[in-house]
Amino acid sequence: MKEYILILLLVSPGFLLRTIMANISSKGETKSEFDKTVASLIYSLPINIVNLLILKYQFKYLTISQIYKKFDETQFILKYVLLTIVITILISVVLEFLSRSIILKCINTIRKFFGNEEKSKNYCGWDEFFEFEKNQEFKAIKMFKGEREVLKGFVKNSTFSNDEDKEVIVEYSDLFAEYKECFKLIKQEYYNPKLDLRIQEYDLEEFNKEFNKHKKH
């Protein structure tokens, strides 16, 4: 029984790490289940190495046989599980930061050197479109499927691009009708030719003026 628990604890960190990274990242995941499994097993390796180093130097378990014997104790197993979860979360955040920040900076430095445009920090247009700018509180949008308007309002929440079904939650849709004249200047536009989906974001300068004016009255 102990052997099965040990195997589970050794291979599960990679699956947890892949799940965490899939939820915090915008990159699409590998479709093949076999590829996902192989990637998870590879991810488990550095986590297990870090765990062993911590057990060796922090808790003074100097040999593999000492650690192996400790897996007879339920309390040790619980501590090991907690340690694994913490290390997995830390490694996933570090990996995401490295892939999104440092590597991107290196790529953009090279592109800038050759006179090319810098790449966006997002991996697709959907995430870039729905990302709020610094100090931006509201994002007013209209969504069209073909020529038909299907949605309008202020963005409350949106899913990551790697979600199978992209979703958007909007609120205060009635303000578009009440302040119709204020929503004319298009700030940016998103288009997905595959879905024939178009989304327009509107500049809110005029709306803010009129809205604040009515609030005072």
C-alpha atoms as a PDB file:
ATOM      1  CA  MET A   1       0.000   0.000   0.000  1.00  0.00           C
ATOM      2  CA  LYS A   2       2.836   2.364   0.899  1.00  0.00           C
ATOM      3  CA  GLU A   3       4.373   1.865  -2.553  1.00  0.00           C
ATOM      4  CA  TYR A   4       1.144   2.963  -4.268  1.00  0.00           C
ATOM      5  CA  ILE A   5       0.899   6.076  -2.090  1.00  0.00           C
ATOM      6  CA  LEU A   6       4.527   6.889  -2.825  1.00  0.00           C
ATOM      7  CA  ILE A   7       4.059   6.509  -6.591  1.00  0.00           C
ATOM      8  CA  LEU A   8       0.944   8.707  -6.452  1.00  0.00           C
ATOM      9  CA  LEU A   9       2.818  11.401  -4.513  1.00  0.00           C
ATOM     10  CA  LEU A  10       5.720  11.284  -6.971  1.00  0.00           C
ATOM     11  CA  VAL A  11       3.677  11.612 -10.180  1.00  0.00           C
ATOM     12  CA  SER A  12       0.757  13.828  -9.057  1.00  0.00           C
ATOM     13  CA  PRO A  13       2.726  17.125  -8.685  1.00  0.00           C
ATOM     14  CA  GLY A  14       3.219  17.365 -12.455  1.00  0.00           C
ATOM     15  CA  PHE A  15      -0.501  16.980 -13.118  1.00  0.00           C
ATOM     16  CA  LEU A  16      -1.248  19.642 -10.500  1.00  0.00           C
ATOM     17  CA  LEU A  17       1.362  21.998 -11.971  1.00  0.00           C
ATOM     18  CA  ARG A  18      -0.006  21.561 -15.506  1.00  0.00           C
ATOM     19  CA  THR A  19      -3.545  22.271 -14.253  1.00  0.00           C
ATOM     20  CA  ILE A  20      -2.437  25.433 -12.429  1.00  0.00           C
ATOM     21  CA  MET A  21      -0.481  26.729 -15.433  1.00  0.00           C
ATOM     22  CA  ALA A  22      -3.387  25.990 -17.779  1.00  0.00           C
ATOM     23  CA  ASN A  23      -5.624  28.177 -15.599  1.00  0.00           C
ATOM     24  CA  ILE A  24      -3.244  31.115 -15.166  1.00  0.00           C
ATOM     25  CA  SER A  25      -1.884  31.075 -18.692  1.00  0.00           C
ATOM     26  CA  SER A  26      -3.488  32.089 -21.976  1.00  0.00           C
ATOM     27  CA  LYS A  27      -1.555  29.552 -24.011  1.00  0.00           C
ATOM     28  CA  GLY A  28      -3.535  26.705 -25.488  1.00  0.00           C
ATOM     29  CA  GLU A  29      -2.855  23.273 -24.010  1.00  0.00           C
ATOM     30  CA  THR A  30      -1.627  20.224 -25.895  1.00  0.00           C
ATOM     31  CA  LYS A  31      -4.662  18.340 -27.185  1.00  0.00           C
ATOM     32  CA  SER A  32      -3.305  14.769 -26.959  1.00  0.00           C
ATOM     33  CA  GLU A  33      -3.925  13.042 -23.615  1.00  0.00           C
ATOM     34  CA  PHE A  34      -0.678  11.121 -24.083  1.00  0.00           C
ATOM     35  CA  ASP A  35       1.265  14.388 -24.522  1.00  0.00           C
ATOM     36  CA  LYS A  36      -0.418  15.846 -21.435  1.00  0.00           C
ATOM     37  CA  THR A  37       0.538  12.796 -19.382  1.00  0.00           C
ATOM     38  CA  VAL A  38       4.159  12.861 -20.565  1.00  0.00           C
ATOM     39  CA  ALA A  39       4.386  16.612 -19.852  1.00  0.00           C
ATOM     40  CA  SER A  40       2.960  16.073 -16.360  1.00  0.00           C
ATOM     41  CA  LEU A  41       5.497  13.343 -15.583  1.00  0.00           C
ATOM     42  CA  ILE A  42       8.327  15.611 -16.743  1.00  0.00           C
ATOM     43  CA  TYR A  43       6.974  18.486 -14.609  1.00  0.00           C
ATOM     44  CA  SER A  44       6.950  16.161 -11.576  1.00  0.00           C
ATOM     45  CA  LEU A  45      10.725  15.706 -11.708  1.00  0.00           C
ATOM     46  CA  PRO A  46      11.886  19.208 -10.615  1.00  0.00           C
ATOM     47  CA  ILE A  47       9.182  19.348  -7.922  1.00  0.00           C
ATOM     48  CA  ASN A  48      10.322  16.033  -6.456  1.00  0.00           C
ATOM     49  CA  ILE A  49      13.961  17.174  -6.526  1.00  0.00           C
ATOM     50  CA  VAL A  50      13.073  20.370  -4.628  1.00  0.00           C
ATOM     51  CA  ASN A  51      11.038  18.325  -2.125  1.00  0.00           C
ATOM     52  CA  LEU A  52      13.959  15.954  -1.511  1.00  0.00           C
ATOM     53  CA  LEU A  53      16.386  18.851  -1.024  1.00  0.00           C
ATOM     54  CA  ILE A  54      14.050  20.447   1.528  1.00  0.00           C
ATOM     55  CA  LEU A  55      13.615  17.140   3.365  1.00  0.00           C
ATOM     56  CA  LYS A  56      17.371  16.620   3.382  1.00  0.00           C
ATOM     57  CA  TYR A  57      18.577  20.057   4.474  1.00  0.00           C
ATOM     58  CA  GLN A  58      15.598  21.429   6.391  1.00  0.00           C
ATOM     59  CA  PHE A  59      14.283  18.297   8.101  1.00  0.00           C
ATOM     60  CA  LYS A  60      17.628  16.436   8.209  1.00  0.00           C
ATOM     61  CA  TYR A  61      16.463  13.249   6.473  1.00  0.00           C
ATOM     62  CA  LEU A  62      19.838  12.415   4.997  1.00  0.00           C
ATOM     63  CA  THR A  63      19.117   9.273   2.994  1.00  0.00           C
ATOM     64  CA  ILE A  64      16.415   8.036   0.630  1.00  0.00           C
ATOM     65  CA  SER A  65      15.834   5.019   2.901  1.00  0.00           C
ATOM     66  CA  GLN A  66      15.129   7.345   5.859  1.00  0.00           C
ATOM     67  CA  ILE A  67      12.582   9.260   3.799  1.00  0.00           C
ATOM     68  CA  TYR A  68      11.051   6.006   2.539  1.00  0.00           C
ATOM     69  CA  LYS A  69      10.523   4.758   6.107  1.00  0.00           C
ATOM     70  CA  LYS A  70       8.802   8.022   7.076  1.00  0.00           C
ATOM     71  CA  PHE A  71       6.009   7.251   4.593  1.00  0.00           C
ATOM     72  CA  ASP A  72       4.687   4.747   7.151  1.00  0.00           C
ATOM     73  CA  GLU A  73       3.591   7.749   9.226  1.00  0.00           C
ATOM     74  CA  THR A  74       0.291   9.426   8.332  1.00  0.00           C
ATOM     75  CA  GLN A  75       1.455  12.754   9.777  1.00  0.00           C
ATOM     76  CA  PHE A  76       4.548  12.730   7.562  1.00  0.00           C
ATOM     77  CA  ILE A  77       2.446  11.968   4.475  1.00  0.00           C
ATOM     78  CA  LEU A  78       0.159  14.923   5.247  1.00  0.00           C
ATOM     79  CA  LYS A  79       3.172  17.210   5.705  1.00  0.00           C
ATOM     80  CA  TYR A  80       4.682  15.945   2.453  1.00  0.00           C
ATOM     81  CA  VAL A  81       1.412  16.576   0.578  1.00  0.00           C
ATOM     82  CA  LEU A  82       1.268  20.141   1.954  1.00  0.00           C
ATOM     83  CA  LEU A  83       4.922  20.718   1.020  1.00  0.00           C
ATOM     84  CA  THR A  84       4.271  19.386  -2.491  1.00  0.00           C
ATOM     85  CA  ILE A  85       1.270  21.679  -3.008  1.00  0.00           C
ATOM     86  CA  VAL A  86       3.223  24.762  -1.862  1.00  0.00           C
ATOM     87  CA  ILE A  87       6.273  23.921  -4.011  1.00  0.00           C
ATOM     88  CA  THR A  88       4.068  23.146  -7.032  1.00  0.00           C
ATOM     89  CA  ILE A  89       2.261  26.495  -6.786  1.00  0.00           C
ATOM     90  CA  LEU A  90       5.560  28.385  -6.408  1.00  0.00           C
ATOM     91  CA  ILE A  91       7.170  26.607  -9.374  1.00  0.00           C
ATOM     92  CA  SER A  92       4.110  27.160 -11.594  1.00  0.00           C
ATOM     93  CA  VAL A  93       4.101  30.898 -10.795  1.00  0.00           C
ATOM     94  CA  VAL A  94       7.854  31.142 -11.466  1.00  0.00           C
ATOM     95  CA  LEU A  95       7.538  29.250 -14.772  1.00  0.00           C
ATOM     96  CA  GLU A  96       4.646  31.447 -15.872  1.00  0.00           C
ATOM     97  CA  PHE A  97       6.555  34.604 -14.916  1.00  0.00           C
ATOM     98  CA  LEU A  98       9.646  33.447 -16.813  1.00  0.00           C
ATOM     99  CA  SER A  99       7.720  32.509 -19.933  1.00  0.00           C
ATOM    100  CA  ARG A 100       5.609  35.649 -19.901  1.00  0.00           C
ATOM    101  CA  SER A 101       8.051  38.273 -18.726  1.00  0.00           C
ATOM    102  CA  ILE A 102      11.750  37.513 -19.098  1.00  0.00           C
ATOM    103  CA  ILE A 103      11.536  35.468 -22.306  1.00  0.00           C
ATOM    104  CA  LEU A 104       9.177  38.024 -23.861  1.00  0.00           C
ATOM    105  CA  LYS A 105      11.570  40.860 -22.995  1.00  0.00           C
ATOM    106  CA  CYS A 106      14.421  38.990 -24.686  1.00  0.00           C
ATOM    107  CA  ILE A 107      12.306  38.373 -27.799  1.00  0.00           C
ATOM    108  CA  ASN A 108      11.216  42.020 -27.965  1.00  0.00           C
ATOM    109  CA  THR A 109      14.803  43.252 -27.523  1.00  0.00           C
ATOM    110  CA  ILE A 110      15.853  41.160 -30.534  1.00  0.00           C
ATOM    111  CA  ARG A 111      12.811  42.251 -32.578  1.00  0.00           C
ATOM    112  CA  LYS A 112      13.470  45.903 -31.723  1.00  0.00           C
ATOM    113  CA  PHE A 113      17.121  45.513 -32.776  1.00  0.00           C
ATOM    114  CA  PHE A 114      15.994  44.305 -36.218  1.00  0.00           C
ATOM    115  CA  GLY A 115      13.378  47.068 -36.493  1.00  0.00           C
ATOM    116  CA  ASN A 116      10.336  44.822 -35.994  1.00  0.00           C
ATOM    117  CA  GLU A 117       7.266  45.535 -33.865  1.00  0.00           C
ATOM    118  CA  GLU A 118       7.292  44.235 -30.303  1.00  0.00           C
ATOM    119  CA  LYS A 119       5.153  41.203 -29.491  1.00  0.00           C
ATOM    120  CA  SER A 120       2.245  41.609 -27.089  1.00  0.00           C
ATOM    121  CA  LYS A 121       2.554  40.037 -23.645  1.00  0.00           C
ATOM    122  CA  ASN A 122      -0.679  38.193 -24.379  1.00  0.00           C
ATOM    123  CA  TYR A 123      -0.719  35.090 -26.520  1.00  0.00           C
ATOM    124  CA  CYS A 124      -3.868  35.987 -28.431  1.00  0.00           C
ATOM    125  CA  GLY A 125      -6.071  38.928 -29.354  1.00  0.00           C
ATOM    126  CA  TRP A 126      -8.932  37.854 -27.076  1.00  0.00           C
ATOM    127  CA  ASP A 127      -6.858  38.290 -23.903  1.00  0.00           C
ATOM    128  CA  GLU A 128      -5.286  41.514 -25.136  1.00  0.00           C
ATOM    129  CA  PHE A 129      -8.688  42.984 -25.994  1.00  0.00           C
ATOM    130  CA  PHE A 130     -10.223  42.210 -22.599  1.00  0.00           C
ATOM    131  CA  GLU A 131      -7.209  43.242 -20.537  1.00  0.00           C
ATOM    132  CA  PHE A 132      -7.844  46.418 -18.550  1.00  0.00           C
ATOM    133  CA  GLU A 133      -5.306  49.212 -18.869  1.00  0.00           C
ATOM    134  CA  LYS A 134      -3.662  50.735 -15.814  1.00  0.00           C
ATOM    135  CA  ASN A 135      -6.235  52.807 -13.857  1.00  0.00           C
ATOM    136  CA  GLN A 136      -9.016  51.685 -16.238  1.00  0.00           C
ATOM    137  CA  GLU A 137     -12.214  50.978 -14.305  1.00  0.00           C
ATOM    138  CA  PHE A 138     -14.726  50.286 -17.070  1.00  0.00           C
ATOM    139  CA  LYS A 139     -14.772  48.706 -20.516  1.00  0.00           C
ATOM    140  CA  ALA A 140     -17.888  49.297 -22.625  1.00  0.00           C
ATOM    141  CA  ILE A 141     -18.399  46.843 -25.480  1.00  0.00           C
ATOM    142  CA  LYS A 142     -20.793  45.756 -28.193  1.00  0.00           C
ATOM    143  CA  MET A 143     -20.566  42.241 -29.629  1.00  0.00           C
ATOM    144  CA  PHE A 144     -21.743  41.263 -33.107  1.00  0.00           C
ATOM    145  CA  LYS A 145     -22.246  37.834 -34.664  1.00  0.00           C
ATOM    146  CA  GLY A 146     -22.115  38.555 -38.363  1.00  0.00           C
ATOM    147  CA  GLU A 147     -24.124  41.761 -38.706  1.00  0.00           C
ATOM    148  CA  ARG A 148     -26.392  40.985 -35.744  1.00  0.00           C
ATOM    149  CA  GLU A 149     -25.772  42.666 -32.403  1.00  0.00           C
ATOM    150  CA  VAL A 150     -25.817  39.973 -29.717  1.00  0.00           C
ATOM    151  CA  LEU A 151     -24.468  41.736 -26.625  1.00  0.00           C
ATOM    152  CA  LYS A 152     -23.693  45.148 -25.175  1.00  0.00           C
ATOM    153  CA  GLY A 153     -22.727  46.443 -21.770  1.00  0.00           C
ATOM    154  CA  PHE A 154     -19.844  47.052 -19.388  1.00  0.00           C
ATOM    155  CA  VAL A 155     -17.466  44.112 -18.996  1.00  0.00           C
ATOM    156  CA  LYS A 156     -17.643  42.491 -15.584  1.00  0.00           C
ATOM    157  CA  ASN A 157     -15.663  39.340 -16.360  1.00  0.00           C
ATOM    158  CA  SER A 158     -14.311  37.283 -19.270  1.00  0.00           C
ATOM    159  CA  THR A 159     -12.688  33.874 -19.652  1.00  0.00           C
ATOM    160  CA  PHE A 160      -9.123  33.153 -20.771  1.00  0.00           C
ATOM    161  CA  SER A 161      -8.519  32.399 -24.439  1.00  0.00           C
ATOM    162  CA  ASN A 162      -7.605  28.766 -23.735  1.00  0.00           C
ATOM    163  CA  ASP A 163     -11.102  28.019 -22.430  1.00  0.00           C
ATOM    164  CA  GLU A 164     -13.005  25.846 -24.879  1.00  0.00           C
ATOM    165  CA  ASP A 165     -16.043  28.154 -24.785  1.00  0.00           C
ATOM    166  CA  LYS A 166     -15.116  31.806 -24.414  1.00  0.00           C
ATOM    167  CA  GLU A 167     -17.556  33.660 -22.187  1.00  0.00           C
ATOM    168  CA  VAL A 168     -18.160  37.305 -21.296  1.00  0.00           C
ATOM    169  CA  ILE A 169     -20.254  38.757 -18.483  1.00  0.00           C
ATOM    170  CA  VAL A 170     -21.503  42.326 -18.931  1.00  0.00           C
ATOM    171  CA  GLU A 171     -23.607  44.634 -16.755  1.00  0.00           C
ATOM    172  CA  TYR A 172     -25.504  47.952 -17.004  1.00  0.00           C
ATOM    173  CA  SER A 173     -26.596  47.282 -20.614  1.00  0.00           C
ATOM    174  CA  ASP A 174     -29.435  49.802 -20.198  1.00  0.00           C
ATOM    175  CA  LEU A 175     -26.898  52.663 -20.065  1.00  0.00           C
ATOM    176  CA  PHE A 176     -26.197  52.159 -23.785  1.00  0.00           C
ATOM    177  CA  ALA A 177     -29.775  53.157 -24.586  1.00  0.00           C
ATOM    178  CA  GLU A 178     -29.875  55.960 -22.007  1.00  0.00           C
ATOM    179  CA  TYR A 179     -26.587  57.525 -23.213  1.00  0.00           C
ATOM    180  CA  LYS A 180     -26.782  56.467 -26.852  1.00  0.00           C
ATOM    181  CA  GLU A 181     -25.013  59.571 -28.193  1.00  0.00           C
ATOM    182  CA  CYS A 182     -21.966  58.948 -26.002  1.00  0.00           C
ATOM    183  CA  PHE A 183     -21.050  55.609 -27.577  1.00  0.00           C
ATOM    184  CA  LYS A 184     -19.785  56.625 -30.999  1.00  0.00           C
ATOM    185  CA  LEU A 185     -15.993  56.685 -30.827  1.00  0.00           C
ATOM    186  CA  ILE A 186     -14.608  53.145 -31.159  1.00  0.00           C
ATOM    187  CA  LYS A 187     -11.451  52.691 -29.105  1.00  0.00           C
ATOM    188  CA  GLN A 188     -10.486  49.254 -30.438  1.00  0.00           C
ATOM    189  CA  GLU A 189     -12.059  46.342 -32.262  1.00  0.00           C
ATOM    190  CA  TYR A 190     -11.651  42.553 -32.062  1.00  0.00           C
ATOM    191  CA  TYR A 191     -12.557  40.200 -34.911  1.00  0.00           C
ATOM    192  CA  ASN A 192     -12.495  36.404 -35.102  1.00  0.00           C
ATOM    193  CA  PRO A 193     -12.984  35.360 -38.757  1.00  0.00           C
ATOM    194  CA  LYS A 194     -13.537  31.716 -37.825  1.00  0.00           C
ATOM    195  CA  LEU A 195     -16.536  32.566 -35.616  1.00  0.00           C
ATOM    196  CA  ASP A 196     -17.471  35.726 -37.544  1.00  0.00           C
ATOM    197  CA  LEU A 197     -17.425  37.454 -34.166  1.00  0.00           C
ATOM    198  CA  ARG A 198     -16.740  41.180 -33.861  1.00  0.00           C
ATOM    199  CA  ILE A 199     -16.401  43.139 -30.610  1.00  0.00           C
ATOM    200  CA  GLN A 200     -16.122  46.915 -30.346  1.00  0.00           C
ATOM    201  CA  GLU A 201     -14.834  48.786 -27.312  1.00  0.00           C
ATOM    202  CA  TYR A 202     -15.984  52.385 -26.953  1.00  0.00           C
ATOM    203  CA  ASP A 203     -14.142  55.425 -25.677  1.00  0.00           C
ATOM    204  CA  LEU A 204     -15.808  56.539 -22.430  1.00  0.00           C
ATOM    205  CA  GLU A 205     -14.751  60.182 -22.225  1.00  0.00           C
ATOM    206  CA  GLU A 206     -18.115  61.577 -23.373  1.00  0.00           C
ATOM    207  CA  PHE A 207     -20.062  59.013 -21.370  1.00  0.00           C
ATOM    208  CA  ASN A 208     -18.169  59.866 -18.165  1.00  0.00           C
ATOM    209  CA  LYS A 209     -18.892  63.590 -18.647  1.00  0.00           C
ATOM    210  CA  GLU A 210     -22.620  63.059 -19.180  1.00  0.00           C
ATOM    211  CA  PHE A 211     -22.945  60.409 -16.486  1.00  0.00           C
ATOM    212  CA  ASN A 212     -21.194  62.565 -13.861  1.00  0.00           C
ATOM    213  CA  LYS A 213     -23.332  65.549 -14.896  1.00  0.00           C
ATOM    214  CA  HIS A 214     -26.529  63.586 -14.248  1.00  0.00           C
ATOM    215  CA  LYS A 215     -25.170  62.269 -10.954  1.00  0.00           C
ATOM    216  CA  LYS A 216     -24.758  65.834  -9.662  1.00  0.00           C
ATOM    217  CA  HIS A 217     -28.396  66.541 -10.452  1.00  0.00           C
END
